[in-house]
């Protein structure tokens, strides 16, 4: 297969995938916000992200991992005491 034929097949496949995705997107009537919300809810449910819910607006906000780690270390110190935690 020469390079031009290979390029035409590859570009044609990319166009086909793009238009198929566009067609299916319009057919289901989903908005990108719905897709992102569903993805974040699944990640939260499975425990891959930490989320804090605002009481006033009801919006969810992602918590930085540094805060999660710091909170876990504080809880471990309270539970085990300062002397029994080893530094590695």
C-alpha atoms as a PDB file:
ATOM      1  CA  UNK A   1       0.000   0.000   0.000  1.00  0.00           C
ATOM      2  CA  UNK A   2       1.505   3.328  -0.992  1.00  0.00           C
ATOM      3  CA  UNK A   3       1.498   6.341   1.367  1.00  0.00           C
ATOM      4  CA  UNK A   4      -1.210   8.241  -0.496  1.00  0.00           C
ATOM      5  CA  UNK A   5      -3.698   5.355  -0.340  1.00  0.00           C
ATOM      6  CA  UNK A   6      -2.922   4.817   3.336  1.00  0.00           C
ATOM      7  CA  UNK A   7      -3.437   8.532   4.047  1.00  0.00           C
ATOM      8  CA  UNK A   8      -6.743   8.616   2.170  1.00  0.00           C
ATOM      9  CA  UNK A   9      -8.036   5.577   4.063  1.00  0.00           C
ATOM     10  CA  UNK A  10      -6.930   7.037   7.430  1.00  0.00           C
ATOM     11  CA  UNK A  11      -8.432  10.477   6.768  1.00  0.00           C
ATOM     12  CA  UNK A  12     -11.633   8.909   5.435  1.00  0.00           C
ATOM     13  CA  UNK A  13     -11.935   6.796   8.579  1.00  0.00           C
ATOM     14  CA  UNK A  14     -11.448   9.874  10.772  1.00  0.00           C
ATOM     15  CA  UNK A  15     -14.146  11.805   8.895  1.00  0.00           C
ATOM     16  CA  UNK A  16     -16.477   8.822   9.124  1.00  0.00           C
ATOM     17  CA  UNK A  17     -15.966   8.467  12.874  1.00  0.00           C
ATOM     18  CA  UNK A  18     -16.445  12.210  13.372  1.00  0.00           C
ATOM     19  CA  UNK A  19     -19.732  12.357  11.464  1.00  0.00           C
ATOM     20  CA  UNK A  20     -20.999   9.151  13.078  1.00  0.00           C
ATOM     21  CA  UNK A  21     -20.323  10.669  16.505  1.00  0.00           C
ATOM     22  CA  UNK A  22     -22.071  13.871  15.511  1.00  0.00           C
ATOM     23  CA  UNK A  23     -25.073  11.955  14.218  1.00  0.00           C
ATOM     24  CA  UNK A  24     -25.384   9.817  17.356  1.00  0.00           C
ATOM     25  CA  UNK A  25     -24.921  12.886  19.569  1.00  0.00           C
ATOM     26  CA  UNK A  26     -27.822  14.673  17.893  1.00  0.00           C
ATOM     27  CA  UNK A  27     -29.951  11.524  17.828  1.00  0.00           C
ATOM     28  CA  UNK A  28     -29.747  10.991  21.595  1.00  0.00           C
ATOM     29  CA  UNK A  29     -30.177  14.699  22.311  1.00  0.00           C
ATOM     30  CA  UNK A  30     -27.545  14.757  25.021  1.00  0.00           C
ATOM     31  CA  UNK A  31     -25.721  17.917  25.846  1.00  0.00           C
ATOM     32  CA  UNK A  32     -22.025  17.929  26.715  1.00  0.00           C
ATOM     33  CA  UNK A  33     -22.940  19.132  30.228  1.00  0.00           C
ATOM     34  CA  UNK A  34     -25.013  15.980  30.731  1.00  0.00           C
ATOM     35  CA  UNK A  35     -22.096  13.796  29.674  1.00  0.00           C
ATOM     36  CA  UNK A  36     -19.659  15.587  31.987  1.00  0.00           C
ATOM     37  CA  UNK A  37     -22.112  15.447  34.900  1.00  0.00           C
ATOM     38  CA  UNK A  38     -22.650  11.731  34.418  1.00  0.00           C
ATOM     39  CA  UNK A  39     -18.893  11.123  34.264  1.00  0.00           C
ATOM     40  CA  UNK A  40     -18.209  13.119  37.442  1.00  0.00           C
ATOM     41  CA  UNK A  41     -21.061  11.403  39.301  1.00  0.00           C
ATOM     42  CA  UNK A  42     -19.670   7.987  38.356  1.00  0.00           C
ATOM     43  CA  UNK A  43     -16.155   8.972  39.440  1.00  0.00           C
ATOM     44  CA  UNK A  44     -17.540  10.254  42.745  1.00  0.00           C
ATOM     45  CA  UNK A  45     -19.640   7.142  43.319  1.00  0.00           C
ATOM     46  CA  UNK A  46     -16.658   4.867  42.632  1.00  0.00           C
ATOM     47  CA  UNK A  47     -14.420   6.897  44.976  1.00  0.00           C
ATOM     48  CA  UNK A  48     -11.962   8.256  42.419  1.00  0.00           C
ATOM     49  CA  UNK A  49     -12.625  11.944  43.162  1.00  0.00           C
ATOM     50  CA  UNK A  50     -13.506  13.856  46.316  1.00  0.00           C
ATOM     51  CA  UNK A  51     -16.445  16.248  46.026  1.00  0.00           C
ATOM     52  CA  UNK A  52     -17.893  18.813  48.385  1.00  0.00           C
ATOM     53  CA  UNK A  53     -21.504  19.933  47.943  1.00  0.00           C
ATOM     54  CA  UNK A  54     -22.381  23.577  48.520  1.00  0.00           C
ATOM     55  CA  UNK A  55     -25.374  23.833  50.853  1.00  0.00           C
ATOM     56  CA  UNK A  56     -26.704  27.082  49.370  1.00  0.00           C
ATOM     57  CA  UNK A  57     -26.544  26.430  45.639  1.00  0.00           C
ATOM     58  CA  UNK A  58     -26.342  22.626  45.628  1.00  0.00           C
ATOM     59  CA  UNK A  59     -23.367  22.687  43.257  1.00  0.00           C
ATOM     60  CA  UNK A  60     -20.568  20.192  43.674  1.00  0.00           C
ATOM     61  CA  UNK A  61     -16.946  21.293  43.888  1.00  0.00           C
ATOM     62  CA  UNK A  62     -13.887  19.083  43.444  1.00  0.00           C
ATOM     63  CA  UNK A  63     -11.563  18.953  46.452  1.00  0.00           C
ATOM     64  CA  UNK A  64      -7.792  19.043  45.815  1.00  0.00           C
ATOM     65  CA  UNK A  65      -5.986  15.814  46.638  1.00  0.00           C
ATOM     66  CA  UNK A  66      -3.618  17.676  48.976  1.00  0.00           C
ATOM     67  CA  UNK A  67      -6.555  18.495  51.276  1.00  0.00           C
ATOM     68  CA  UNK A  68      -7.740  14.884  51.259  1.00  0.00           C
ATOM     69  CA  UNK A  69      -4.263  13.595  52.127  1.00  0.00           C
ATOM     70  CA  UNK A  70      -3.779  16.197  54.874  1.00  0.00           C
ATOM     71  CA  UNK A  71      -7.139  15.287  56.424  1.00  0.00           C
ATOM     72  CA  UNK A  72      -6.287  11.580  56.307  1.00  0.00           C
ATOM     73  CA  UNK A  73      -2.953  12.178  58.037  1.00  0.00           C
ATOM     74  CA  UNK A  74      -4.627  14.229  60.777  1.00  0.00           C
ATOM     75  CA  UNK A  75      -7.215  11.507  61.354  1.00  0.00           C
ATOM     76  CA  UNK A  76      -4.494   8.851  61.503  1.00  0.00           C
ATOM     77  CA  UNK A  77      -2.556  10.869  64.072  1.00  0.00           C
ATOM     78  CA  UNK A  78      -5.669  11.231  66.230  1.00  0.00           C
ATOM     79  CA  UNK A  79      -6.483   7.536  65.942  1.00  0.00           C
ATOM     80  CA  UNK A  80      -3.005   6.049  66.395  1.00  0.00           C
ATOM     81  CA  UNK A  81      -1.291   8.794  68.368  1.00  0.00           C
ATOM     82  CA  UNK A  82       1.805  10.664  67.247  1.00  0.00           C
ATOM     83  CA  UNK A  83       4.355   8.101  68.437  1.00  0.00           C
ATOM     84  CA  UNK A  84       3.154   5.029  66.572  1.00  0.00           C
ATOM     85  CA  UNK A  85       3.149   6.539  63.069  1.00  0.00           C
ATOM     86  CA  UNK A  86       6.421   5.756  61.347  1.00  0.00           C
ATOM     87  CA  UNK A  87       8.066   8.078  58.875  1.00  0.00           C
ATOM     88  CA  UNK A  88       9.307   6.344  55.759  1.00  0.00           C
END
